[in-house]
Protein backbone atom coordinates (compact mmCIF):
# COMPACT_ATOMS: atom_id res chain seq x y z
CA MET A 1 -17.13 -0.08 11.09
CA ASP A 2 -13.55 -0.29 12.19
CA ASN A 3 -13.28 -3.62 13.42
CA ASP A 4 -15.18 -4.41 9.98
CA LEU A 5 -12.52 -2.79 8.29
CA HIS A 6 -9.93 -4.55 9.83
CA ASN A 7 -10.88 -7.60 9.29
CA LYS A 8 -11.91 -7.38 5.69
CA ILE A 9 -8.27 -5.92 5.39
CA THR A 10 -7.27 -9.08 6.78
CA ALA A 11 -9.24 -10.85 4.93
CA THR A 12 -8.33 -9.62 1.60
CA ILE A 13 -4.68 -10.07 2.53
CA ASN A 14 -4.92 -13.62 3.35
CA SER A 15 -6.92 -14.08 0.03
CA LEU A 16 -3.73 -12.61 -2.13
CA SER A 17 -2.12 -15.48 -1.17
CA GLU A 18 -4.20 -17.60 -3.82
CA TYR A 19 -3.11 -15.36 -6.63
CA GLU A 20 -0.03 -15.35 -8.63
CA ILE A 21 -0.12 -12.45 -10.05
CA ILE A 22 -2.53 -9.43 -9.41
CA SER A 23 -3.00 -5.64 -10.78
CA SER A 24 -4.22 -2.53 -8.73
CA GLU A 25 -7.65 -3.33 -10.55
CA ASP A 26 -7.56 -7.24 -9.32
CA LEU A 27 -6.89 -5.55 -5.86
CA ILE A 28 -9.96 -3.22 -6.12
CA ILE A 29 -12.14 -5.97 -7.26
CA LEU A 30 -11.04 -8.29 -4.54
CA LEU A 31 -11.89 -5.48 -2.07
CA GLU A 32 -15.57 -4.64 -3.58
CA LYS A 33 -16.17 -8.68 -3.00
CA GLU A 34 -14.89 -8.56 0.47
CA GLY A 35 -18.20 -5.82 0.66
CA MET A 36 -16.22 -2.52 0.54
CA SER A 37 -17.50 0.45 -1.27
CA SER A 38 -15.38 1.22 -4.50
CA ILE A 39 -14.05 4.77 -2.50
CA ILE A 40 -12.76 2.29 0.47
CA ALA A 41 -11.98 0.06 -2.08
CA LEU A 42 -9.49 2.44 -4.16
CA ASP A 43 -7.80 4.22 -1.38
CA ILE A 44 -7.13 0.85 0.04
CA SER A 45 -5.53 -0.33 -3.18
CA LEU A 46 -3.32 2.87 -3.01
CA PHE A 47 -2.28 2.67 0.89
CA LEU A 48 -1.89 -1.33 1.17
CA PRO A 49 0.98 -1.59 -1.52
CA ILE A 50 2.77 1.47 0.03
CA VAL A 51 2.63 0.09 3.53
CA PHE A 52 3.63 -3.12 2.39
CA CYS A 53 6.49 -1.60 0.80
CA LYS A 54 7.52 0.29 4.03
CA LYS A 55 7.34 -2.89 5.93
CA MET A 56 9.36 -4.89 3.35
CA LEU A 57 11.89 -2.28 3.28
CA PRO A 58 12.39 -0.80 6.77
CA ASP A 59 15.63 0.81 5.90
CA VAL A 60 14.44 3.07 3.26
CA LYS A 61 13.20 6.27 4.48
CA PHE A 62 10.09 7.02 2.98
CA PRO A 63 8.10 10.78 3.08
CA GLU A 64 5.99 11.14 6.03
CA TYR A 65 3.31 13.00 3.88
CA TYR A 66 1.44 12.28 0.49
CA ILE A 67 0.00 14.94 -1.79
CA GLN A 68 -4.01 14.59 -2.41
CA VAL A 69 -4.46 16.15 -5.90
CA GLU A 70 -8.46 17.20 -6.00
CA LYS A 71 -10.19 17.28 -9.19
CA SER A 72 -10.12 20.85 -9.35
CA GLY A 73 -6.22 20.50 -9.34
CA THR A 74 -5.74 21.69 -5.98
CA ARG A 75 -2.91 20.07 -3.94
CA ILE A 76 -3.28 19.30 -0.50
CA LYS A 77 -0.55 17.80 1.77
CA HIS A 78 -1.28 15.01 4.20
CA ARG A 79 0.60 12.95 6.95
CA PHE A 80 -0.08 9.34 6.47
CA GLU A 81 -0.38 8.71 9.99
CA ASP A 82 -3.36 11.23 9.77
CA ASN A 83 -4.89 9.42 7.83
CA ASN A 84 -7.36 6.67 9.99
CA LEU A 85 -7.82 4.10 7.06
CA TYR A 86 -4.10 4.33 6.37
CA ASN A 87 -3.58 3.37 10.29
CA ILE A 88 -5.68 0.55 9.80
CA ILE A 89 -3.94 -0.91 7.13
CA ASP A 90 -0.60 -0.17 9.02
CA ALA A 91 -2.00 -2.18 12.07
CA GLN A 92 -3.26 -4.99 10.23
CA THR A 93 -0.39 -5.31 7.88
CA GLN A 94 1.97 -5.33 11.02
CA THR A 95 -0.32 -8.30 12.46
CA TYR A 96 0.32 -9.98 9.12
CA PHE A 97 3.95 -9.54 9.18
CA ASN A 98 4.62 -10.56 12.92
CA ASN A 99 2.71 -14.07 11.93
CA ASN A 100 5.10 -15.79 9.54
CA PRO A 101 4.37 -13.94 6.57
CA ASP A 102 4.58 -15.45 3.21
CA SER A 103 7.21 -13.46 0.77
CA GLU A 104 5.52 -14.44 -2.20
CA VAL A 105 2.50 -12.10 -0.85
CA ILE A 106 4.61 -9.23 0.27
CA LEU A 107 6.00 -8.87 -2.72
CA ARG A 108 2.99 -9.06 -5.08
CA ILE A 109 1.37 -6.64 -2.78
CA ALA A 110 4.35 -4.20 -2.24
CA SER A 111 4.88 -4.51 -6.05
CA LEU A 112 1.88 -2.69 -6.92
CA SER A 113 3.21 0.70 -5.09
CA ALA A 114 4.88 3.17 -7.31
CA GLU A 115 7.61 3.34 -4.60
CA PHE A 116 8.88 -0.29 -4.98
CA GLN A 117 8.50 0.35 -8.64
CA ALA A 118 10.82 3.14 -8.23
CA ILE A 119 13.25 1.24 -5.99
CA ASN A 120 13.33 -1.91 -8.25
CA LYS A 121 14.35 0.31 -11.14
CA LEU A 122 16.99 2.09 -9.05
CA LEU A 123 18.30 -1.16 -8.00
CA LEU A 124 17.91 -2.83 -11.89
CA ASP A 125 20.30 0.08 -13.12
CA GLY A 126 22.63 -0.85 -10.55
CA GLY A 127 21.89 1.66 -7.85
CA ASN A 128 21.66 0.63 -3.96
CA LEU A 129 19.35 1.16 -0.97
CA ASN A 130 21.19 3.80 0.23
CA ASP A 131 20.76 5.85 -3.09
CA VAL A 132 17.14 5.62 -2.53
CA ARG A 133 15.38 9.25 -2.08
CA LEU A 134 11.49 9.30 -2.56
CA THR A 135 9.43 12.16 -3.09
CA GLU A 136 5.67 12.58 -1.77
CA THR A 137 3.51 10.12 -3.36
CA MET A 138 0.65 11.97 -5.45
CA ILE A 139 -2.68 10.65 -5.17
CA ILE A 140 -5.09 12.06 -7.52
CA LYS A 141 -8.74 11.96 -6.14
């Protein structure tokens, strides 16, 4: 399953070079077309942009944890690195970044993350990357 997931994530990243604009919903549809379940597609659509943002902005200190909010309202703190799917996405993204990545694709994917949106707003408002202080991402399940 992991090898299949690695291949599908790589195929998805490569497919994104064909789009000029993409939304999170478009990404989920593309992932489902790659044969992923809606649950896996949703998780990838959450983690892939975060990983791209982290790789794009390596000097920014990103939180090590995210908070998963369950339907019941319970909040559970998780380390990104303890999530197998996140690690697969990270590995495939690193491979992409190591092989002459397309800067437009990087920006297209990273810009889907809340982290990118917050950093971009800060920069547009006159701040600089040294001012960035990100809080833990909240993922509602």
